[in-house]
Amino acid sequence: MGKTHRGSNLRGEQPRAGRGTCPITRKTGVKLLYEHEIDGKKVMISKSAKATLANARRRQAKKEKKQEAVAE
């Protein structure tokens, strides 16, 4: 994890050192590091939530690609 997502930088930028409840995973006390848009609102999400969303997008793209190949 880069230094921008460690303690001293987060303490100055965000209240409670960037910790809270992740809106995606519902885990409490995790660092909310990444800004993401959900339903038109920008919210902060955790590292694991960011990975979850990226993996879901990747799986969806793979599934669509597979369906296109079958259709041809």
C-alpha atoms as a PDB file:
ATOM      1  CA  MET A   1       0.000   0.000   0.000  1.00  0.00           C
ATOM      2  CA  GLY A   2       1.409   3.360  -0.984  1.00  0.00           C
ATOM      3  CA  LYS A   3       2.272   6.050   1.531  1.00  0.00           C
ATOM      4  CA  THR A   4      -0.738   8.139   0.465  1.00  0.00           C
ATOM      5  CA  HIS A   5      -2.983   5.507   2.022  1.00  0.00           C
ATOM      6  CA  ARG A   6      -1.134   5.200   5.327  1.00  0.00           C
ATOM      7  CA  GLY A   7      -1.772   6.807   8.699  1.00  0.00           C
ATOM      8  CA  SER A   8      -0.205  10.272   8.739  1.00  0.00           C
ATOM      9  CA  ASN A   9      -1.563  11.374   5.362  1.00  0.00           C
ATOM     10  CA  LEU A  10      -5.050  10.107   6.137  1.00  0.00           C
ATOM     11  CA  ARG A  11      -5.163  11.798   9.530  1.00  0.00           C
ATOM     12  CA  GLY A  12      -4.763  15.214   7.942  1.00  0.00           C
ATOM     13  CA  GLU A  13      -7.180  14.654   5.058  1.00  0.00           C
ATOM     14  CA  GLN A  14     -10.077  12.734   6.551  1.00  0.00           C
ATOM     15  CA  PRO A  15     -11.805  12.533   9.908  1.00  0.00           C
ATOM     16  CA  ARG A  16     -11.085   9.480  12.059  1.00  0.00           C
ATOM     17  CA  ALA A  17      -8.015   8.678   9.905  1.00  0.00           C
ATOM     18  CA  GLY A  18     -10.225   7.556   7.017  1.00  0.00           C
ATOM     19  CA  ARG A  19     -11.827   4.717   8.941  1.00  0.00           C
ATOM     20  CA  GLY A  20     -15.488   3.825   8.869  1.00  0.00           C
ATOM     21  CA  THR A  21     -18.012   1.361   7.488  1.00  0.00           C
ATOM     22  CA  CYS A  22     -17.618   0.323   3.870  1.00  0.00           C
ATOM     23  CA  PRO A  23     -20.896   0.713   1.931  1.00  0.00           C
ATOM     24  CA  ILE A  24     -20.101  -2.277  -0.323  1.00  0.00           C
ATOM     25  CA  THR A  25     -18.775  -4.923   2.074  1.00  0.00           C
ATOM     26  CA  ARG A  26     -20.446  -3.552   5.251  1.00  0.00           C
ATOM     27  CA  LYS A  27     -17.236  -4.122   7.223  1.00  0.00           C
ATOM     28  CA  THR A  28     -16.687  -1.716  10.107  1.00  0.00           C
ATOM     29  CA  GLY A  29     -13.436  -0.071  11.149  1.00  0.00           C
ATOM     30  CA  VAL A  30     -11.768  -0.406   7.748  1.00  0.00           C
ATOM     31  CA  LYS A  31      -9.858   2.311   5.909  1.00  0.00           C
ATOM     32  CA  LEU A  32     -12.004   3.992   3.289  1.00  0.00           C
ATOM     33  CA  LEU A  33      -9.378   4.878   0.718  1.00  0.00           C
ATOM     34  CA  TYR A  34     -10.926   4.997  -2.729  1.00  0.00           C
ATOM     35  CA  GLU A  35     -13.615   7.286  -4.107  1.00  0.00           C
ATOM     36  CA  HIS A  36     -16.261   5.471  -6.162  1.00  0.00           C
ATOM     37  CA  GLU A  37     -19.573   6.522  -7.697  1.00  0.00           C
ATOM     38  CA  ILE A  38     -22.627   4.512  -6.633  1.00  0.00           C
ATOM     39  CA  ASP A  39     -26.092   5.549  -7.850  1.00  0.00           C
ATOM     40  CA  GLY A  40     -24.800   8.987  -8.805  1.00  0.00           C
ATOM     41  CA  LYS A  41     -23.217   9.633  -5.387  1.00  0.00           C
ATOM     42  CA  LYS A  42     -19.489   9.633  -4.705  1.00  0.00           C
ATOM     43  CA  VAL A  43     -18.664   7.457  -1.709  1.00  0.00           C
ATOM     44  CA  MET A  44     -15.447   6.213  -0.176  1.00  0.00           C
ATOM     45  CA  ILE A  45     -14.856   2.446  -0.352  1.00  0.00           C
ATOM     46  CA  SER A  46     -12.270   0.058   1.064  1.00  0.00           C
ATOM     47  CA  LYS A  47      -9.463  -1.701  -0.772  1.00  0.00           C
ATOM     48  CA  SER A  48     -11.287  -5.048  -0.721  1.00  0.00           C
ATOM     49  CA  ALA A  49     -14.476  -3.435  -2.079  1.00  0.00           C
ATOM     50  CA  LYS A  50     -12.517  -1.881  -4.928  1.00  0.00           C
ATOM     51  CA  ALA A  51     -11.122  -5.309  -5.808  1.00  0.00           C
ATOM     52  CA  THR A  52     -14.595  -6.869  -5.557  1.00  0.00           C
ATOM     53  CA  LEU A  53     -16.038  -4.343  -8.005  1.00  0.00           C
ATOM     54  CA  ALA A  54     -13.112  -4.744 -10.412  1.00  0.00           C
ATOM     55  CA  ASN A  55     -13.429  -8.542 -10.361  1.00  0.00           C
ATOM     56  CA  ALA A  56     -17.181  -8.329 -10.987  1.00  0.00           C
ATOM     57  CA  ARG A  57     -16.590  -6.046 -14.002  1.00  0.00           C
ATOM     58  CA  ARG A  58     -13.937  -8.424 -15.335  1.00  0.00           C
ATOM     59  CA  ARG A  59     -16.227 -11.457 -14.961  1.00  0.00           C
ATOM     60  CA  GLN A  60     -19.096  -9.621 -16.679  1.00  0.00           C
ATOM     61  CA  ALA A  61     -16.871  -8.647 -19.633  1.00  0.00           C
ATOM     62  CA  LYS A  62     -15.638 -12.231 -19.959  1.00  0.00           C
ATOM     63  CA  LYS A  63     -19.209 -13.528 -19.896  1.00  0.00           C
ATOM     64  CA  GLU A  64     -20.312 -11.057 -22.587  1.00  0.00           C
ATOM     65  CA  LYS A  65     -17.327 -11.944 -24.764  1.00  0.00           C
ATOM     66  CA  LYS A  66     -18.176 -15.626 -24.444  1.00  0.00           C
ATOM     67  CA  GLN A  67     -21.812 -14.990 -25.422  1.00  0.00           C
ATOM     68  CA  GLU A  68     -20.708 -13.040 -28.508  1.00  0.00           C
ATOM     69  CA  ALA A  69     -18.476 -15.912 -29.585  1.00  0.00           C
ATOM     70  CA  VAL A  70     -21.345 -18.400 -29.227  1.00  0.00           C
ATOM     71  CA  ALA A  71     -23.725 -16.112 -31.176  1.00  0.00           C
ATOM     72  CA  GLU A  72     -21.346 -16.005 -34.138  1.00  0.00           C
END
